[in-house]
Amino acid sequence: MKTILKAKYLVLALFVAFSFACSPEDGEPGPQGPAGIDGVDGADGTDGTDGTDGNANVIYSSWFGPDGQTFISNGYISYAEFEVNVPELTNDIINNGVVLVYAKLSNYVPEVWPEGHIAQLPITIGGGTTDHFYTYYVEESNINIRYRRDGPQPEWIFSSTNRFRYVLIPGNTGARVQQIDYSKMTYEEVINHFNLEL
């Protein structure tokens, strides 16, 4: 019993001696840690430093329509199409970035297409006697917007009240392009995400 008690005191004495031997003055100071993230609206009312503009590389158009455009429209082709010249649309954006095209249509009754509603192409509007299809395809410097309906038509035309808008997201805007599927986001979510003008 005395041997066990002596061993406990010996361990305790070594622990106390080791604790005093390792004081904070003995080591060299470590390297400076990274700066903290700026706060927003602190208790004193100050605001943190603004970050960089998230839409620096994003290219977007104002709303435009088919007015004054040349249409491909006949019974053989069976669709109407107009071309929008977009000089910023490069092969790099087509191959590595994201191209989004939105429509704001006002030639349908509110039950079919509510006033002010905006949706991403391609769009199919159905439920009545005829289905309407809006699609697009891209090539360097151009976006081609196409419209067709089910069944034979005497002519294929866009309504003059149709409005469209494109958003080009280059592939070099960082990893966020790869991580986020912008085609799954609503128009409002994309606009807010990049802080774009409505």
Protein backbone atom coordinates (compact mmCIF):
# COMPACT_ATOMS: atom_id res chain seq x y z
CA MET A 1 0.00 0.00 0.00
CA LYS A 2 2.86 2.36 0.85
CA THR A 3 4.45 1.65 -2.57
CA ILE A 4 1.24 2.61 -4.43
CA LEU A 5 0.86 5.78 -2.34
CA LYS A 6 4.51 6.76 -3.01
CA ALA A 7 3.99 6.20 -6.77
CA LYS A 8 0.90 8.49 -6.74
CA TYR A 9 2.85 11.25 -4.99
CA LEU A 10 5.75 10.85 -7.41
CA VAL A 11 3.44 11.18 -10.44
CA LEU A 12 1.73 14.20 -8.86
CA ALA A 13 5.10 15.85 -8.13
CA LEU A 14 6.29 15.29 -11.72
CA PHE A 15 3.04 16.72 -13.11
CA VAL A 16 3.33 19.88 -10.94
CA ALA A 17 7.01 20.33 -11.88
CA PHE A 18 6.21 19.92 -15.60
CA SER A 19 3.38 22.46 -15.35
CA PHE A 20 5.66 25.12 -13.93
CA ALA A 21 8.45 24.33 -16.39
CA CYS A 22 6.20 25.07 -19.40
CA SER A 23 5.44 28.74 -18.98
CA PRO A 24 4.19 30.91 -21.87
CA GLU A 25 7.43 32.96 -21.84
CA ASP A 26 9.51 30.02 -22.99
CA GLY A 27 8.33 29.69 -26.63
CA GLU A 28 8.66 31.99 -29.66
CA PRO A 29 5.48 33.86 -30.65
CA GLY A 30 3.48 32.19 -33.40
CA PRO A 31 2.76 33.82 -36.79
CA GLN A 32 0.03 36.45 -37.10
CA GLY A 33 -3.36 34.86 -37.80
CA PRO A 34 -5.55 35.93 -40.75
CA ALA A 35 -7.61 39.09 -40.41
CA GLY A 36 -11.21 38.62 -39.35
CA ILE A 37 -14.17 39.15 -41.70
CA ASP A 38 -15.60 42.67 -41.66
CA GLY A 39 -18.82 42.91 -39.72
CA VAL A 40 -22.00 44.48 -41.00
CA ASP A 41 -23.92 47.10 -39.03
CA GLY A 42 -22.02 46.86 -35.77
CA ALA A 43 -23.33 48.05 -32.44
CA ASP A 44 -21.84 51.49 -33.07
CA GLY A 45 -23.75 51.79 -36.37
CA THR A 46 -20.70 51.38 -38.62
CA ASP A 47 -20.81 49.19 -41.69
CA GLY A 48 -18.15 46.70 -42.73
CA THR A 49 -16.10 47.04 -45.90
CA ASP A 50 -18.09 46.31 -49.05
CA GLY A 51 -17.14 43.22 -51.04
CA THR A 52 -16.37 43.19 -54.74
CA ASP A 53 -19.25 43.50 -57.17
CA GLY A 54 -20.58 40.00 -57.89
CA ASN A 55 -21.78 40.92 -61.38
CA ALA A 56 -18.43 42.23 -62.65
CA ASN A 57 -18.23 39.63 -65.44
CA VAL A 58 -21.93 39.01 -66.05
CA ILE A 59 -23.37 40.48 -69.26
CA TYR A 60 -27.08 41.16 -69.57
CA SER A 61 -29.43 42.95 -71.92
CA SER A 62 -32.35 45.23 -71.40
CA TRP A 63 -35.75 43.92 -72.48
CA PHE A 64 -36.13 43.71 -76.26
CA GLY A 65 -38.78 42.48 -78.66
CA PRO A 66 -39.08 41.14 -82.19
CA ASP A 67 -40.06 44.57 -83.53
CA GLY A 68 -38.37 45.36 -86.81
CA GLN A 69 -36.72 41.95 -87.00
CA THR A 70 -36.67 39.71 -90.04
CA PHE A 71 -38.60 36.49 -89.48
CA ILE A 72 -38.15 33.06 -90.91
CA SER A 73 -41.78 32.12 -91.34
CA ASN A 74 -43.37 29.74 -93.81
CA GLY A 75 -45.26 26.48 -93.96
CA TYR A 76 -42.19 24.42 -94.78
CA ILE A 77 -40.09 25.67 -91.86
CA SER A 78 -43.08 25.82 -89.48
CA TYR A 79 -41.77 28.38 -87.03
CA ALA A 80 -41.03 32.07 -86.66
CA GLU A 81 -37.53 33.11 -85.65
CA PHE A 82 -35.61 36.29 -85.09
CA GLU A 83 -31.93 36.86 -84.45
CA VAL A 84 -30.40 39.08 -81.79
CA ASN A 85 -26.84 40.27 -82.33
CA VAL A 86 -24.83 39.81 -79.11
CA PRO A 87 -21.16 40.74 -79.75
CA GLU A 88 -20.20 39.69 -76.19
CA LEU A 89 -21.39 36.12 -76.78
CA THR A 90 -18.13 34.27 -77.38
CA ASN A 91 -17.44 30.60 -77.96
CA ASP A 92 -15.82 30.55 -74.53
CA ILE A 93 -19.11 31.59 -72.90
CA ILE A 94 -21.04 29.09 -75.04
CA ASN A 95 -18.68 26.22 -74.14
CA ASN A 96 -17.71 27.08 -70.55
CA GLY A 97 -20.26 29.55 -69.25
CA VAL A 98 -24.03 29.89 -69.00
CA VAL A 99 -26.50 31.53 -71.39
CA LEU A 100 -29.97 32.29 -70.02
CA VAL A 101 -32.84 33.76 -72.04
CA TYR A 102 -36.04 35.00 -70.38
CA ALA A 103 -39.46 35.88 -71.79
CA LYS A 104 -42.08 38.33 -70.62
CA LEU A 105 -45.21 37.64 -72.66
CA SER A 106 -48.33 39.76 -72.63
CA ASN A 107 -50.40 38.31 -75.47
CA TYR A 108 -52.08 35.60 -73.36
CA VAL A 109 -55.00 35.74 -70.96
CA PRO A 110 -53.94 36.05 -67.29
CA GLU A 111 -55.10 32.50 -66.55
CA VAL A 112 -52.51 31.20 -69.04
CA TRP A 113 -49.70 33.71 -68.49
CA PRO A 114 -50.15 36.14 -65.55
CA GLU A 115 -49.34 39.78 -66.22
CA GLY A 116 -45.71 40.55 -65.39
CA HIS A 117 -44.72 36.88 -65.21
CA ILE A 118 -41.17 36.15 -66.40
CA ALA A 119 -39.87 32.68 -67.23
CA GLN A 120 -36.77 31.14 -68.73
CA LEU A 121 -36.77 29.67 -72.23
CA PRO A 122 -37.58 27.05 -73.37
CA ILE A 123 -41.25 27.59 -72.54
CA THR A 124 -44.30 25.53 -73.47
CA ILE A 125 -47.68 27.19 -73.00
CA GLY A 126 -50.53 24.74 -73.28
CA GLY A 127 -53.82 23.73 -71.84
CA GLY A 128 -56.06 25.13 -74.58
CA THR A 129 -56.62 23.97 -78.11
CA THR A 130 -53.08 24.86 -79.22
CA ASP A 131 -49.69 24.52 -77.58
CA HIS A 132 -47.17 27.34 -78.00
CA PHE A 133 -43.41 26.74 -77.88
CA TYR A 134 -40.68 29.34 -77.30
CA THR A 135 -37.08 28.15 -77.64
CA TYR A 136 -33.69 29.58 -78.51
CA TYR A 137 -30.29 28.51 -79.74
CA VAL A 138 -26.96 30.30 -79.66
CA GLU A 139 -23.99 30.75 -81.91
CA GLU A 140 -21.04 33.07 -81.61
CA SER A 141 -22.31 36.69 -81.44
CA ASN A 142 -25.97 35.69 -81.93
CA ILE A 143 -28.98 34.40 -80.04
CA ASN A 144 -31.82 33.08 -82.18
CA ILE A 145 -35.28 33.06 -80.58
CA ARG A 146 -37.84 30.74 -82.10
CA TYR A 147 -41.62 30.41 -81.77
CA ARG A 148 -43.97 27.74 -83.09
CA ARG A 149 -47.40 26.28 -82.42
CA ASP A 150 -48.91 22.85 -82.80
CA GLY A 151 -50.54 22.04 -86.11
CA PRO A 152 -50.46 23.83 -89.48
CA GLN A 153 -50.70 27.59 -89.34
CA PRO A 154 -51.30 30.13 -92.10
CA GLU A 155 -48.38 32.14 -90.77
CA TRP A 156 -45.91 32.07 -87.91
CA ILE A 157 -45.36 35.37 -86.14
CA PHE A 158 -44.27 36.67 -82.77
CA SER A 159 -46.61 39.01 -80.98
CA SER A 160 -45.24 42.55 -81.04
CA THR A 161 -45.73 42.63 -77.25
CA ASN A 162 -43.33 39.73 -76.60
CA ARG A 163 -40.23 40.82 -74.67
CA PHE A 164 -37.03 38.90 -74.12
CA ARG A 165 -33.82 39.36 -72.14
CA TYR A 166 -30.54 37.44 -71.96
CA VAL A 167 -27.98 36.95 -69.19
CA LEU A 168 -24.49 35.69 -70.06
CA ILE A 169 -22.38 34.23 -67.27
CA PRO A 170 -18.76 33.65 -68.33
CA GLY A 171 -17.06 30.50 -67.10
CA ASN A 172 -14.26 32.52 -65.48
CA THR A 173 -16.45 34.02 -62.74
CA GLY A 174 -15.18 31.38 -60.33
CA ALA A 175 -16.27 28.06 -58.96
CA ARG A 176 -19.79 29.36 -58.36
CA VAL A 177 -20.67 28.78 -62.03
CA GLN A 178 -19.88 25.07 -61.61
CA GLN A 179 -21.62 24.74 -58.24
CA ILE A 180 -24.91 26.51 -59.02
CA ASP A 181 -27.39 25.38 -61.65
CA TYR A 182 -28.74 28.76 -62.76
CA SER A 183 -31.31 27.10 -65.01
CA LYS A 184 -33.08 25.87 -61.85
CA MET A 185 -33.29 29.38 -60.39
CA THR A 186 -36.18 31.76 -60.97
CA TYR A 187 -35.63 35.01 -62.84
CA GLU A 188 -35.79 36.94 -59.58
CA GLU A 189 -33.24 34.63 -57.94
CA VAL A 190 -30.74 35.13 -60.78
CA ILE A 191 -31.24 38.92 -60.77
CA ASN A 192 -30.78 39.08 -56.99
CA HIS A 193 -27.83 36.67 -57.02
CA PHE A 194 -25.86 38.88 -59.42
CA ASN A 195 -27.39 42.17 -58.24
CA LEU A 196 -28.56 43.03 -61.77
CA GLU A 197 -30.97 45.76 -62.76
CA LEU A 198 -34.57 44.66 -63.21
